[in-house]
Structure formats: structure tokens, C-alpha cells
N, C-alpha and C. Protein backbone atom coordinates (compact mmCIF):
# COMPACT_ATOMS: atom_id res chain seq x y z
N UNK A 1 0.75 -1.09 -0.12
CA UNK A 1 -0.06 -0.03 0.11
C UNK A 1 0.77 1.39 0.12
N UNK A 2 0.63 2.02 -0.84
CA UNK A 2 1.49 3.30 -1.50
C UNK A 2 0.69 4.72 -0.31
N UNK A 3 1.04 4.61 0.90
CA UNK A 3 0.55 5.56 2.23
C UNK A 3 0.87 7.15 1.21
N UNK A 4 1.57 7.45 0.52
CA UNK A 4 2.16 8.51 0.01
C UNK A 4 0.46 9.24 -0.78
N UNK A 5 -0.07 8.49 -0.75
CA UNK A 5 -1.44 8.68 -1.84
C UNK A 5 -2.28 9.21 -0.87
N UNK A 6 -2.95 9.23 0.26
CA UNK A 6 -3.49 9.23 1.31
C UNK A 6 -3.87 10.50 1.95
N UNK A 7 -4.74 11.19 1.98
CA UNK A 7 -4.83 12.42 3.27
C UNK A 7 -4.15 12.27 4.30
N UNK A 8 -3.63 13.59 4.82
CA UNK A 8 -3.86 13.18 6.49
C UNK A 8 -4.51 12.94 6.96
N UNK A 9 -5.47 13.40 6.88
CA UNK A 9 -6.91 12.51 7.88
C UNK A 9 -7.21 10.91 7.86
N UNK A 10 -6.60 10.83 6.56
CA UNK A 10 -6.94 8.81 6.26
C UNK A 10 -5.79 8.01 6.52
N UNK A 11 -4.66 9.17 6.63
CA UNK A 11 -3.12 8.15 7.71
C UNK A 11 -3.39 8.10 8.94
N UNK A 12 -4.25 9.23 9.22
CA UNK A 12 -4.37 9.04 11.31
C UNK A 12 -5.36 8.14 11.45
N UNK A 13 -6.67 7.72 10.38
CA UNK A 13 -7.45 6.74 10.35
C UNK A 13 -6.74 5.45 10.49
N UNK A 14 -5.85 5.63 9.73
CA UNK A 14 -5.29 3.90 9.15
C UNK A 14 -4.28 3.59 10.29
N UNK A 15 -3.58 4.69 10.86
CA UNK A 15 -2.58 4.90 11.98
C UNK A 15 -3.45 4.09 13.28
N UNK A 16 -4.87 4.45 13.47
CA UNK A 16 -5.72 4.31 14.69
C UNK A 16 -5.83 2.81 14.14
N UNK A 17 -6.31 2.48 12.83
CA UNK A 17 -6.49 0.81 12.39
C UNK A 17 -5.46 0.17 12.91
N UNK A 18 -4.25 0.41 12.56
CA UNK A 18 -2.88 -0.22 12.66
C UNK A 18 -2.84 -0.59 14.19
N UNK A 19 -3.43 0.36 14.84
CA UNK A 19 -2.89 0.43 16.62
C UNK A 19 -4.12 -0.72 16.97
N UNK A 20 -5.12 -1.21 16.63
CA UNK A 20 -6.05 -1.51 17.13
C UNK A 20 -5.87 -3.47 16.94
N UNK A 21 -5.28 -3.70 15.62
CA UNK A 21 -4.45 -4.87 15.33
C UNK A 21 -4.42 -5.47 16.48
N UNK A 22 -4.61 -7.12 16.63
CA UNK A 22 -4.33 -7.83 17.54
C UNK A 22 -2.62 -8.47 16.94
N UNK A 23 -1.47 -8.33 17.51
CA UNK A 23 -0.41 -8.94 17.90
C UNK A 23 0.19 -9.76 18.77
N UNK A 24 0.85 -10.42 18.12
CA UNK A 24 1.88 -11.27 19.45
C UNK A 24 2.20 -10.44 20.47
N UNK A 25 2.78 -10.80 21.65
CA UNK A 25 2.89 -10.03 22.83
C UNK A 25 4.80 -9.12 22.33
N UNK A 26 4.95 -10.04 21.63
CA UNK A 26 6.62 -9.47 21.01
C UNK A 26 6.65 -8.36 20.05
N UNK A 27 5.66 -8.76 19.51
CA UNK A 27 5.15 -7.41 18.25
C UNK A 27 4.62 -6.07 18.81
N UNK A 28 3.84 -6.29 20.12
CA UNK A 28 3.18 -5.38 20.86
C UNK A 28 4.64 -4.59 20.73
N UNK A 29 5.51 -4.81 21.89
CA UNK A 29 6.27 -4.08 22.30
C UNK A 29 7.12 -3.56 21.39
N UNK A 30 7.17 -4.16 19.81
CA UNK A 30 7.95 -3.31 18.93
C UNK A 30 7.36 -1.92 18.30
N UNK A 31 5.85 -2.69 18.38
CA UNK A 31 4.69 -1.47 17.65
C UNK A 31 4.91 -0.16 19.13
N UNK A 32 5.11 -0.57 20.30
CA UNK A 32 4.86 0.42 21.32
C UNK A 32 6.59 1.24 21.15
N UNK A 33 7.55 0.71 20.63
CA UNK A 33 8.78 1.65 20.48
C UNK A 33 8.47 2.33 19.26
N UNK A 34 8.04 1.42 18.01
CA UNK A 34 7.57 2.25 16.99
C UNK A 34 7.11 3.79 17.18
N UNK A 35 5.92 3.77 17.72
CA UNK A 35 5.16 4.70 18.32
C UNK A 35 5.44 5.41 19.06
N UNK A 36 6.40 5.39 20.13
CA UNK A 36 7.05 6.40 21.10
C UNK A 36 8.61 6.85 20.05
N UNK A 37 8.91 6.40 19.36
CA UNK A 37 10.38 6.75 18.75
C UNK A 37 10.16 7.74 17.89
N UNK A 38 11.14 8.66 17.60
CA UNK A 38 11.79 10.36 16.69
C UNK A 38 10.73 9.84 15.21
N UNK A 39 9.89 9.57 15.44
CA UNK A 39 9.45 9.21 13.62
C UNK A 39 8.32 10.07 13.36
N UNK A 40 8.24 10.13 11.91
CA UNK A 40 7.28 10.91 11.64
C UNK A 40 6.10 9.91 11.14
N UNK A 41 4.35 10.49 10.98
CA UNK A 41 3.47 9.51 10.90
C UNK A 41 3.68 8.79 9.46
N UNK A 42 3.88 9.16 8.77
CA UNK A 42 4.23 8.28 7.79
C UNK A 42 5.46 7.43 8.17
N UNK A 43 6.08 7.53 8.70
CA UNK A 43 7.48 6.27 9.14
C UNK A 43 7.14 5.44 10.10
N UNK A 44 6.11 5.87 10.95
CA UNK A 44 5.26 5.29 11.92
C UNK A 44 4.87 3.69 10.85
N UNK A 45 3.60 4.30 10.38
CA UNK A 45 2.65 3.43 9.48
C UNK A 45 3.34 2.60 8.78
N UNK A 46 4.73 3.00 8.40
CA UNK A 46 5.48 2.18 6.97
C UNK A 46 6.07 1.24 7.73
N UNK A 47 6.58 1.79 9.32
CA UNK A 47 7.43 0.75 10.15
C UNK A 47 6.66 -0.13 11.02
N UNK A 48 5.03 -0.05 11.03
CA UNK A 48 4.42 -0.74 11.42
C UNK A 48 3.49 -1.96 10.46
N UNK A 49 3.83 -1.50 9.35
CA UNK A 49 2.94 -2.19 7.93
C UNK A 49 4.15 -3.19 8.22
N UNK A 50 5.83 -2.72 7.47
CA UNK A 50 6.41 -3.74 7.77
C UNK A 50 6.95 -4.95 8.39
N UNK A 51 6.22 -4.65 10.02
CA UNK A 51 6.04 -5.37 10.94
C UNK A 51 5.36 -6.34 10.54
N UNK A 52 4.41 -6.12 10.42
CA UNK A 52 3.12 -7.03 9.84
C UNK A 52 3.63 -8.12 8.79
N UNK A 53 4.32 -7.47 8.05
CA UNK A 53 4.71 -8.42 6.32
C UNK A 53 5.45 -9.21 7.72
N UNK A 54 6.19 -9.45 8.46
CA UNK A 54 7.32 -10.05 8.95
C UNK A 54 6.49 -11.26 10.03
N UNK A 55 5.03 -10.86 10.41
CA UNK A 55 4.70 -11.97 11.55
C UNK A 55 4.22 -13.36 10.70
N UNK A 56 4.32 -14.22 11.55
CA UNK A 56 3.33 -15.52 10.63
C UNK A 56 2.50 -15.16 10.32
N UNK A 57 2.06 -15.76 9.28
CA UNK A 57 0.73 -15.71 8.74
C UNK A 57 0.33 -14.77 8.07
N UNK A 58 1.03 -13.74 7.53
CA UNK A 58 0.95 -12.17 7.12
C UNK A 58 0.65 -12.47 5.53
N UNK A 59 0.10 -11.72 4.86
CA UNK A 59 -0.43 -11.55 3.45
C UNK A 59 -0.28 -10.63 3.18
N UNK A 60 -0.46 -10.59 1.38
CA UNK A 60 -0.95 -9.02 1.05
C UNK A 60 -2.35 -8.78 1.38
N UNK A 61 -2.76 -9.93 1.06
CA UNK A 61 -4.21 -9.85 1.36
C UNK A 61 -4.81 -9.06 3.11
N UNK A 62 -3.84 -9.33 3.58
CA UNK A 62 -4.39 -9.03 4.81
C UNK A 62 -4.33 -7.31 4.55
N UNK A 63 -2.95 -6.67 4.38
CA UNK A 63 -2.72 -5.70 3.87
C UNK A 63 -3.69 -5.31 3.14
N UNK A 64 -4.10 -5.44 2.24
CA UNK A 64 -5.20 -5.04 1.27
C UNK A 64 -6.62 -4.68 1.76
N UNK A 65 -6.73 -5.67 2.77
CA UNK A 65 -8.02 -5.01 3.57
C UNK A 65 -8.18 -4.26 4.38
N UNK A 66 -7.07 -4.20 4.99
CA UNK A 66 -6.90 -2.53 5.79
C UNK A 66 -6.65 -1.31 4.59
N UNK A 67 -6.17 -1.77 3.47
CA UNK A 67 -6.42 -0.64 2.96
C UNK A 67 -7.66 0.10 2.17
N UNK A 68 -8.51 -1.14 2.09
CA UNK A 68 -9.83 -1.39 1.94
C UNK A 68 -10.98 -0.24 2.56
N UNK A 69 -10.48 -0.46 4.03
CA UNK A 69 -11.54 0.78 4.95
C UNK A 69 -11.55 1.95 4.62
N UNK A 70 -10.46 2.37 3.78
CA UNK A 70 -9.83 3.81 3.03
C UNK A 70 -10.25 4.29 2.23
N UNK A 71 -10.55 3.57 1.18
CA UNK A 71 -11.34 3.69 0.10
C UNK A 71 -12.72 4.40 -0.04
N UNK A 72 -12.89 5.06 -1.00
CA UNK A 72 -14.15 5.94 -1.23
C UNK A 72 -14.94 5.18 -1.64
N UNK A 73 -16.07 5.33 -0.67
CA UNK A 73 -17.49 4.45 -1.22
C UNK A 73 -17.47 3.36 0.19
N UNK A 74 -16.35 3.05 1.07
CA UNK A 74 -16.80 2.60 2.30
C UNK A 74 -17.68 2.84 2.77
N UNK A 75 -18.65 2.62 3.63
CA UNK A 75 -18.73 0.72 3.19
C UNK A 75 -19.33 0.30 2.31
N UNK A 76 -18.61 -0.94 1.42
CA UNK A 76 -19.36 -1.56 0.67
C UNK A 76 -20.43 -2.40 0.78
N UNK A 77 -20.68 -2.81 -0.03
CA UNK A 77 -22.05 -4.30 0.08
C UNK A 77 -21.56 -4.87 0.78
N UNK A 78 -22.73 -5.84 1.70
CA UNK A 78 -21.91 -6.62 2.88
C UNK A 78 -21.16 -6.32 3.94
N UNK A 79 -20.82 -4.87 3.92
CA UNK A 79 -19.99 -4.56 5.15
C UNK A 79 -20.46 -3.28 6.09
N UNK A 80 -19.93 -3.90 7.40
CA UNK A 80 -20.39 -3.27 8.37
C UNK A 80 -20.61 -1.48 8.11
N UNK A 81 -21.44 -0.90 8.79
CA UNK A 81 -21.22 0.68 8.45
C UNK A 81 -19.73 1.45 9.36
N UNK A 82 -19.31 2.62 8.74
CA UNK A 82 -18.22 3.14 9.01
C UNK A 82 -18.57 3.65 10.57
N UNK A 83 -18.33 3.27 11.59
CA UNK A 83 -18.16 3.75 12.65
C UNK A 83 -17.75 5.44 13.28
N UNK A 84 -18.93 5.89 14.25
CA UNK A 84 -18.25 7.30 14.60
C UNK A 84 -16.91 7.18 15.35
N UNK A 85 -16.09 8.53 14.98
CA UNK A 85 -15.07 8.46 15.34
C UNK A 85 -14.66 9.42 16.35
N UNK A 86 -13.90 9.10 17.12
CA UNK A 86 -13.32 9.48 18.42
C UNK A 86 -12.10 9.92 18.26
N UNK A 87 -11.46 10.90 18.74
CA UNK A 87 -9.95 11.60 19.07
C UNK A 87 -9.88 11.24 20.44
N UNK A 88 -8.47 10.66 20.54
CA UNK A 88 -8.03 10.80 21.78
C UNK A 88 -6.74 11.51 22.27
N UNK A 89 -6.90 13.08 22.67
CA UNK A 89 -5.57 13.56 22.71
C UNK A 89 -4.95 13.46 24.17
N UNK A 90 -3.72 12.35 23.43
CA UNK A 90 -2.78 12.21 24.48
C UNK A 90 -1.57 12.05 24.12
N UNK A 91 -0.16 12.22 24.49
CA UNK A 91 0.86 11.74 23.71
C UNK A 91 1.19 10.67 24.00
N UNK A 92 0.15 9.38 24.47
CA UNK A 92 0.92 8.20 24.81
C UNK A 92 -0.12 7.50 24.09
N UNK A 93 0.02 6.20 23.48
CA UNK A 93 -0.61 5.26 22.86
C UNK A 93 -2.03 4.38 23.74
N UNK A 94 -1.00 4.10 25.20
CA UNK A 94 -2.03 3.19 26.16
C UNK A 94 -3.47 3.35 26.28
N UNK A 95 -4.14 4.54 26.38
CA UNK A 95 -5.23 4.84 26.30
C UNK A 95 -6.00 4.73 24.96
N UNK A 96 -5.38 4.86 24.46
CA UNK A 96 -6.03 4.93 22.97
C UNK A 96 -6.32 3.80 23.07
N UNK A 97 -5.31 2.83 22.97
CA UNK A 97 -5.72 1.59 22.66
C UNK A 97 -6.04 0.78 23.97
N UNK A 98 -6.47 1.39 24.97
CA UNK A 98 -7.29 0.32 25.61
C UNK A 98 -9.06 0.80 25.11
N UNK A 99 -9.09 2.10 24.93
CA UNK A 99 -10.71 2.28 24.17
C UNK A 99 -10.77 1.86 23.26
N UNK A 100 -10.10 1.56 22.26
CA UNK A 100 -10.34 0.68 20.74
C UNK A 100 -10.40 -0.72 21.21
N UNK A 101 -10.03 -1.30 22.01
CA UNK A 101 -10.27 -2.82 22.38
C UNK A 101 -11.59 -2.69 23.04
N UNK A 102 -12.01 -1.47 23.63
CA UNK A 102 -13.32 -1.90 23.68
C UNK A 102 -14.91 -1.13 22.28
N UNK A 103 -13.80 -0.64 21.41
CA UNK A 103 -14.68 0.40 20.79
C UNK A 103 -15.98 -0.33 20.19
N UNK A 104 -16.18 -1.76 19.85
CA UNK A 104 -17.17 -1.98 20.15
C UNK A 104 -18.28 -1.89 20.81
N UNK A 105 -17.93 -1.75 22.17
CA UNK A 105 -18.84 -1.70 22.69
C UNK A 105 -20.06 -0.14 22.67
N UNK A 106 -19.03 0.75 22.27
CA UNK A 106 -19.55 2.15 21.60
C UNK A 106 -19.91 2.32 20.33
N UNK A 107 -19.65 1.73 19.61
CA UNK A 107 -19.66 1.58 17.89
C UNK A 107 -18.85 3.05 17.45
N UNK A 108 -17.46 3.26 17.99
CA UNK A 108 -16.69 4.26 18.01
C UNK A 108 -15.74 3.76 17.48
N UNK A 109 -14.72 4.68 16.57
CA UNK A 109 -13.47 4.30 16.16
C UNK A 109 -12.58 5.51 16.80
N UNK A 110 -11.72 4.98 17.31
CA UNK A 110 -10.51 5.83 18.18
C UNK A 110 -9.09 5.80 16.96
N UNK A 111 -8.80 7.47 17.55
CA UNK A 111 -7.87 7.83 16.42
C UNK A 111 -6.86 8.94 17.66
N UNK A 112 -5.71 8.61 17.92
CA UNK A 112 -4.86 9.56 18.73
C UNK A 112 -4.06 10.55 18.25
N UNK A 113 -4.49 11.78 18.81
CA UNK A 113 -3.94 13.20 18.48
C UNK A 113 -3.07 13.40 19.63
N UNK A 114 -1.67 13.75 19.29
CA UNK A 114 -0.61 13.43 20.46
C UNK A 114 -0.50 15.12 21.34
N UNK A 115 -1.16 15.75 20.69
CA UNK A 115 -1.19 17.05 21.34
C UNK A 115 -2.70 18.36 21.36
N UNK A 116 -2.65 18.82 21.55
CA UNK A 116 -3.97 19.71 21.60
C UNK A 116 -4.14 20.09 20.09
N UNK A 117 -2.98 21.01 19.02
CA UNK A 117 -2.88 21.10 17.87
C UNK A 117 -3.45 19.82 17.18
N UNK A 118 -2.81 18.76 17.14
CA UNK A 118 -3.38 17.60 16.49
C UNK A 118 -4.21 17.16 16.61
N UNK A 119 -5.14 17.19 17.80
CA UNK A 119 -6.31 16.61 18.08
C UNK A 119 -7.64 17.38 17.64
N UNK A 120 -7.56 18.91 17.25
CA UNK A 120 -8.14 20.10 17.04
C UNK A 120 -7.71 19.65 15.58
N UNK A 121 -6.94 19.29 14.69
CA UNK A 121 -6.88 18.83 13.66
C UNK A 121 -8.17 18.00 12.87
N UNK A 122 -7.62 16.97 14.08
CA UNK A 122 -8.07 15.43 14.19
C UNK A 122 -9.58 15.61 13.59
N UNK A 123 -10.19 16.78 15.08
CA UNK A 123 -11.71 17.09 15.32
C UNK A 123 -12.41 17.26 13.76
N UNK A 124 -11.85 18.36 13.63
CA UNK A 124 -12.24 18.52 12.15
C UNK A 124 -12.09 17.68 11.02
N UNK A 125 -10.80 17.36 11.05
CA UNK A 125 -10.77 16.58 9.44
C UNK A 125 -11.42 15.27 9.43
N UNK A 126 -11.51 14.40 10.70
CA UNK A 126 -12.22 13.01 10.87
C UNK A 126 -13.88 13.44 10.76
N UNK A 127 -14.00 14.85 11.44
CA UNK A 127 -15.80 15.39 11.84
C UNK A 127 -16.12 14.33 12.67
N UNK A 128 -15.38 14.45 14.07
CA UNK A 128 -15.41 13.75 15.17
C UNK A 128 -16.61 13.80 15.76
N UNK A 129 -17.17 12.95 16.49
CA UNK A 129 -18.45 13.04 17.35
C UNK A 129 -17.96 12.62 18.81
N UNK A 130 -16.73 12.36 19.18
CA UNK A 130 -16.48 12.46 20.48
C UNK A 130 -14.49 12.84 20.70
N UNK A 131 -14.68 13.33 21.82
CA UNK A 131 -13.00 13.76 22.36
C UNK A 131 -12.89 13.62 23.51
N UNK A 132 -11.89 12.48 23.43
CA UNK A 132 -11.40 11.74 25.10
C UNK A 132 -9.99 12.48 25.36
N UNK A 133 -10.17 13.51 26.73
CA UNK A 133 -8.84 14.62 26.75
C UNK A 133 -8.01 13.71 27.97
N UNK A 134 -6.96 13.24 27.69
CA UNK A 134 -5.59 13.14 28.72
C UNK A 134 -5.06 13.61 28.51
N UNK A 135 -4.77 14.94 28.35
CA UNK A 135 -3.93 15.87 28.28
C UNK A 135 -4.03 16.63 29.87
N UNK A 136 -2.61 16.91 30.00
CA UNK A 136 -2.60 17.71 31.58
C UNK A 136 -3.25 18.85 31.58
N UNK A 137 -4.26 19.52 31.16
CA UNK A 137 -4.89 21.23 31.33
C UNK A 137 -5.40 21.54 32.25
N UNK A 138 -4.99 22.43 32.81
CA UNK A 138 -5.80 23.23 33.76
C UNK A 138 -6.75 23.93 33.55
N UNK A 139 -8.11 23.49 34.50
CA UNK A 139 -9.94 24.15 34.41
C UNK A 139 -9.94 25.06 33.00
N UNK A 140 -9.30 26.06 33.04
CA UNK A 140 -9.40 27.23 32.09
C UNK A 140 -8.73 26.79 30.94
N UNK A 141 -7.74 25.89 30.75
CA UNK A 141 -7.29 25.59 29.09
C UNK A 141 -8.50 24.39 28.69
N UNK A 142 -8.37 23.77 29.83
CA UNK A 142 -9.33 22.59 29.62
C UNK A 142 -11.11 23.20 28.65
N UNK A 143 -11.40 24.04 29.51
CA UNK A 143 -12.57 24.82 28.63
C UNK A 143 -12.31 25.50 27.43
N UNK A 144 -10.95 26.15 27.58
CA UNK A 144 -11.06 26.76 26.15
C UNK A 144 -10.59 25.43 24.87
N UNK A 145 -10.46 24.31 25.33
CA UNK A 145 -10.02 23.43 24.39
C UNK A 145 -11.10 23.04 23.86
N UNK A 146 -12.44 22.58 24.94
CA UNK A 146 -13.37 21.94 24.59
C UNK A 146 -14.24 22.99 23.57
N UNK A 147 -14.21 24.55 23.86
CA UNK A 147 -14.92 25.57 22.73
C UNK A 147 -14.15 25.36 21.62
N UNK A 148 -12.89 25.24 21.43
CA UNK A 148 -12.22 25.43 19.86
C UNK A 148 -12.52 24.03 19.52
N UNK A 149 -12.54 22.94 19.94
CA UNK A 149 -13.84 21.57 19.32
C UNK A 149 -14.30 21.72 18.51
N UNK A 150 -15.88 22.37 19.83
CA UNK A 150 -16.80 22.69 19.02
C UNK A 150 -16.97 23.99 17.64
N UNK A 151 -16.07 24.80 18.08
CA UNK A 151 -15.55 25.80 16.65
C UNK A 151 -15.18 24.60 15.28
N UNK A 152 -14.51 23.72 15.36
CA UNK A 152 -14.46 22.88 14.48
C UNK A 152 -15.27 21.81 13.94
N UNK A 153 -15.94 21.60 14.89
CA UNK A 153 -17.00 20.24 14.67
C UNK A 153 -18.22 20.58 15.94
N UNK A 154 -19.38 21.21 15.35
CA UNK A 154 -20.21 21.79 16.31
C UNK A 154 -21.06 20.70 17.11
N UNK A 155 -20.94 19.67 16.99
CA UNK A 155 -21.68 18.62 17.83
C UNK A 155 -20.78 17.88 18.56
N UNK A 156 -19.69 17.96 18.53
CA UNK A 156 -18.45 16.94 19.50
C UNK A 156 -19.21 16.88 20.99
N UNK A 157 -18.73 16.25 21.43
CA UNK A 157 -18.75 15.82 22.69
C UNK A 157 -17.32 15.57 23.48
N UNK A 158 -17.03 15.79 24.79
CA UNK A 158 -16.15 16.03 24.86
C UNK A 158 -15.79 15.26 26.65
N UNK A 159 -14.76 14.13 26.83
CA UNK A 159 -14.50 13.18 27.91
C UNK A 159 -13.20 13.72 28.58
N UNK A 160 -13.53 13.89 29.42
CA UNK A 160 -11.60 14.88 30.18
C UNK A 160 -11.34 14.05 31.10
N UNK A 161 -10.23 13.29 30.94
CA UNK A 161 -9.26 12.60 32.24
C UNK A 161 -9.06 13.36 32.89
N UNK A 162 -8.83 13.43 34.46
CA UNK A 162 -8.15 13.83 35.55
C UNK A 162 -8.02 13.35 36.58
N UNK A 163 -6.55 13.44 36.92
CA UNK A 163 -6.32 12.54 38.54
C UNK A 163 -7.23 13.35 39.48
N UNK A 164 -7.67 12.47 40.71
CA UNK A 164 -8.25 13.25 41.59
C UNK A 164 -7.90 14.10 42.17
N UNK A 165 -6.45 14.31 42.48
CA UNK A 165 -5.72 15.54 42.90
C UNK A 165 -6.14 16.86 41.90
N UNK A 166 -6.39 16.64 40.76
CA UNK A 166 -6.57 18.24 39.83
C UNK A 166 -8.49 18.15 39.85
N UNK A 167 -9.26 17.25 40.67
CA UNK A 167 -10.32 17.82 40.03
C UNK A 167 -10.29 18.96 40.93
N UNK A 168 -11.73 19.46 40.03
CA UNK A 168 -12.30 21.02 40.07
C UNK A 168 -13.08 21.06 40.73
N UNK A 169 -13.98 22.44 41.06
CA UNK A 169 -15.12 22.46 41.61
C UNK A 169 -16.08 22.80 40.32
N UNK A 170 -17.23 22.51 40.62
CA UNK A 170 -18.62 22.54 39.21
C UNK A 170 -17.91 22.81 38.24
N UNK A 171 -18.17 22.33 36.87
CA UNK A 171 -17.65 22.98 35.82
C UNK A 171 -18.06 24.41 34.93
N UNK A 172 -17.61 24.95 33.94
CA UNK A 172 -18.69 26.11 33.66
C UNK A 172 -19.87 25.53 33.24
N UNK A 173 -21.09 26.19 33.72
CA UNK A 173 -22.58 25.37 32.86
C UNK A 173 -22.73 25.72 31.72
N UNK A 174 -22.47 26.22 31.20
CA UNK A 174 -22.07 26.59 29.33
C UNK A 174 -21.41 25.27 29.04
N UNK A 175 -20.73 24.53 29.56
CA UNK A 175 -20.01 23.31 29.23
C UNK A 175 -20.82 21.66 29.72
N UNK A 176 -21.36 21.95 30.69
CA UNK A 176 -22.08 21.06 31.33
C UNK A 176 -22.83 19.94 30.26
N UNK A 177 -23.65 20.74 29.34
CA UNK A 177 -24.51 19.63 28.34
C UNK A 177 -23.41 18.68 27.61
N UNK A 178 -22.50 19.18 27.12
CA UNK A 178 -21.52 18.09 26.44
C UNK A 178 -20.13 17.86 26.38
N UNK A 179 -19.66 17.86 27.92
CA UNK A 179 -18.08 17.81 28.77
C UNK A 179 -18.44 17.26 29.83
N UNK A 180 -17.46 16.42 30.20
CA UNK A 180 -17.71 14.99 30.99
C UNK A 180 -15.91 15.26 31.95
N UNK A 181 -16.02 15.07 33.04
CA UNK A 181 -14.84 15.31 33.70
C UNK A 181 -14.90 13.98 34.73
N UNK A 182 -14.13 12.68 34.16
CA UNK A 182 -13.93 11.75 34.79
C UNK A 182 -12.10 11.39 35.60
N UNK A 183 -12.25 10.84 36.51
CA UNK A 183 -11.30 10.68 37.49
C UNK A 183 -10.35 9.57 36.66
N UNK A 184 -8.83 9.86 37.02
CA UNK A 184 -8.18 8.46 36.73
C UNK A 184 -8.01 7.65 37.92
N UNK A 185 -7.39 6.58 37.70
CA UNK A 185 -7.37 5.51 36.57
C UNK A 185 -8.75 5.59 35.81
N UNK A 186 -8.93 5.23 34.70
CA UNK A 186 -9.69 4.71 34.04
C UNK A 186 -10.81 4.02 34.78
N UNK A 187 -11.78 3.97 34.06
CA UNK A 187 -12.64 3.30 34.99
C UNK A 187 -13.80 3.04 33.93
N UNK A 188 -13.65 1.84 33.16
CA UNK A 188 -14.24 1.93 31.67
C UNK A 188 -16.13 2.06 31.72
N UNK A 189 -16.20 1.33 32.89
CA UNK A 189 -18.05 1.93 33.41
C UNK A 189 -18.31 3.22 33.28
N UNK A 190 -17.69 3.67 33.99
CA UNK A 190 -18.06 5.29 33.97
C UNK A 190 -17.61 5.95 32.68
N UNK A 191 -16.48 5.16 31.82
CA UNK A 191 -16.64 5.92 30.51
C UNK A 191 -17.92 5.69 29.50
N UNK A 192 -18.09 4.10 29.67
CA UNK A 192 -19.26 4.01 29.03
C UNK A 192 -20.34 4.72 29.22
N UNK A 193 -20.72 5.07 30.46
CA UNK A 193 -21.78 5.80 31.23
C UNK A 193 -21.84 7.00 30.24
N UNK A 194 -20.63 8.05 30.59
CA UNK A 194 -20.51 9.26 30.22
C UNK A 194 -20.65 9.32 28.55
N UNK A 195 -20.33 8.16 27.76
CA UNK A 195 -20.59 7.87 26.15
C UNK A 195 -21.92 7.81 25.89
N UNK A 196 -22.72 7.17 26.92
CA UNK A 196 -24.39 7.04 26.94
C UNK A 196 -25.11 8.45 27.30
N UNK A 197 -24.39 9.28 27.98
CA UNK A 197 -24.88 10.26 28.16
C UNK A 197 -24.94 11.39 27.43
N UNK A 198 -23.67 11.43 26.48
CA UNK A 198 -23.16 12.40 25.70
C UNK A 198 -23.78 11.73 24.43
N UNK A 199 -23.70 11.20 24.07
CA UNK A 199 -24.13 10.07 22.13
C UNK A 199 -25.37 9.43 22.45
N UNK A 200 -26.06 9.30 23.58
CA UNK A 200 -27.13 8.49 23.44
C UNK A 200 -26.97 7.13 23.01
N UNK A 201 -25.49 6.41 22.96
CA UNK A 201 -25.74 5.16 22.99
C UNK A 201 -24.84 4.13 23.85
């Protein structure tokens, strides 16, 4: 697959799909090293695809199946509908991978944005329905980030993850209808409840 022909938004989608693929434990460690390495997005995708080609049972058909998800006209006949898109604002991949493993529960496709700028870009490009923010933002920056997301995608909803020590008084009333603040460590039942409240699913 020639990823140079893909748009930036499709590259991020492909990156998210590759992170969700099941791999042997040793391959998972290699993928983690790739994600944390000083590589560009294109280089990370190429490196993970190269790793997949080395795995036992790998085939060109499997790579083609991944590429098929990004082609115009998807979903094709007989395929499931495209799931709603969610951006995870987090410099590290662990939260994105955890949520991706539970993605069928919420019918969401999770894509990582490593900082505020990248997350805001993805919100617009992917027409995201949800943002899960795991960045260490103080309350005023949290509210500003939420408003910037809404400027780019008017119906997007947000979940902020924060350590209990950073818990703050009642959030801005203007944000209450479309934002939730959840304590860390992550409780998937709390995330499920927040997703249900925000997206009605």
C-alpha cells in the first residue's frame, strides 16, 4: 500500500486501525517502541506495516483489507457501516489502545492526537463525534480546548480524564451539556456511562 497517496486524515485513520490490530506480545512491544520513537506519522505507519509483513501468516490480502477501509465508497455492499469517530488527545498510545479494544461497545473508531494542535486538526478532518482528552490541562485551558473543538465540529462531545488531585469545582455551566470530567485511573464503566449520556449510545 502506498500511503503517500492518502490524505492526512486518512493517514491518521490508518494509524488508528493499525494500533487496534491484534499481534503477538513481542510484536506489541515493537509497535510500542515505534509509536514512541522520533518518527514522522508516515514513518510510523510504514514501520508498523513492515512489522506486520514479518509476522507468521502475514499476507498481501491482509494489508489490502486494511487499505480497503480507507477507499472512497466504504462501506461497500455486505460490509458494516463506518463507525463514529473519536479523537483521543494524549501524547502516549496506551489510553487509545485501551479504548480501541472496547470500541465495539460504543460503536466508535478511536484515533490518537498527540497534543492539542493535532487533536484539533483531527476533530475537523475526521468530523469527530467525541474527544477523550488525557492531556494535563488546567481548568481554564480545559474549557478553552472544549470550545475550540466545538468551533471545528459543532456537535462534538468531550470527556476529560484527570487525576483526582486535579479535581475542580463544578464545571462551567455552559459546558455541562456536552462535557464530562472523569477521574483517573480509567474506569471503563464510567466511560461507558459518559458516552451513553453524551452520544445517546
